């Protein structure tokens, strides 16, 4: 729900405790390229 509302995959990664963004992407079922682009734009 948070990802759909914000598009902030880095925040989701931190909330879920994933060390790698790829794990979060797999968990969410989103495209890896889109996810990495979003993560690079996000400051936490």
C-alpha atoms as a PDB file:
ATOM      1  CA  UNK A   1       0.000   0.000   0.000  1.00  0.00           C
ATOM      2  CA  UNK A   2       2.827   2.383   0.828  1.00  0.00           C
ATOM      3  CA  UNK A   3       4.571   1.658  -2.454  1.00  0.00           C
ATOM      4  CA  UNK A   4       1.377   2.288  -4.441  1.00  0.00           C
ATOM      5  CA  UNK A   5       0.758   5.547  -2.591  1.00  0.00           C
ATOM      6  CA  UNK A   6       4.297   6.931  -2.764  1.00  0.00           C
ATOM      7  CA  UNK A   7       6.302   4.975  -5.319  1.00  0.00           C
ATOM      8  CA  UNK A   8       9.147   5.113  -2.795  1.00  0.00           C
ATOM      9  CA  UNK A   9      10.827   1.740  -3.083  1.00  0.00           C
ATOM     10  CA  UNK A  10      13.753   2.753  -0.854  1.00  0.00           C
ATOM     11  CA  UNK A  11      11.379   3.430   2.025  1.00  0.00           C
ATOM     12  CA  UNK A  12       9.793   0.028   1.510  1.00  0.00           C
ATOM     13  CA  UNK A  13      13.245  -1.576   1.453  1.00  0.00           C
ATOM     14  CA  UNK A  14      14.083  -0.023   4.804  1.00  0.00           C
ATOM     15  CA  UNK A  15      10.703  -0.835   6.355  1.00  0.00           C
ATOM     16  CA  UNK A  16      11.002  -4.479   5.311  1.00  0.00           C
ATOM     17  CA  UNK A  17      14.630  -4.705   6.432  1.00  0.00           C
ATOM     18  CA  UNK A  18      15.907  -5.851   3.048  1.00  0.00           C
ATOM     19  CA  UNK A  19      19.626  -5.340   2.504  1.00  0.00           C
ATOM     20  CA  UNK A  20      19.300  -5.490  -1.287  1.00  0.00           C
ATOM     21  CA  UNK A  21      16.856  -3.521  -3.420  1.00  0.00           C
ATOM     22  CA  UNK A  22      16.444  -6.605  -5.625  1.00  0.00           C
ATOM     23  CA  UNK A  23      14.798  -8.463  -2.729  1.00  0.00           C
ATOM     24  CA  UNK A  24      12.294  -5.662  -2.270  1.00  0.00           C
ATOM     25  CA  UNK A  25      11.573  -5.594  -5.999  1.00  0.00           C
ATOM     26  CA  UNK A  26      10.910  -9.333  -5.985  1.00  0.00           C
ATOM     27  CA  UNK A  27       8.679  -8.967  -2.938  1.00  0.00           C
ATOM     28  CA  UNK A  28       6.650  -6.182  -4.557  1.00  0.00           C
ATOM     29  CA  UNK A  29       6.555  -7.800  -7.986  1.00  0.00           C
ATOM     30  CA  UNK A  30       7.612  -4.647  -9.835  1.00  0.00           C
ATOM     31  CA  UNK A  31       9.912  -4.288 -12.823  1.00  0.00           C
ATOM     32  CA  UNK A  32      13.577  -4.164 -11.753  1.00  0.00           C
ATOM     33  CA  UNK A  33      14.516  -1.274 -14.061  1.00  0.00           C
ATOM     34  CA  UNK A  34      11.605   0.883 -12.860  1.00  0.00           C
ATOM     35  CA  UNK A  35      12.383   0.049  -9.257  1.00  0.00           C
ATOM     36  CA  UNK A  36      16.065   0.926  -9.565  1.00  0.00           C
ATOM     37  CA  UNK A  37      15.230   4.217 -11.285  1.00  0.00           C
ATOM     38  CA  UNK A  38      12.876   5.114  -8.429  1.00  0.00           C
ATOM     39  CA  UNK A  39      15.406   4.068  -5.806  1.00  0.00           C
ATOM     40  CA  UNK A  40      18.145   6.219  -7.322  1.00  0.00           C
ATOM     41  CA  UNK A  41      15.892   9.290  -7.176  1.00  0.00           C
ATOM     42  CA  UNK A  42      14.967   8.728  -3.530  1.00  0.00           C
ATOM     43  CA  UNK A  43      16.862  10.264  -0.626  1.00  0.00           C
ATOM     44  CA  UNK A  44      16.510   8.679   2.806  1.00  0.00           C
END
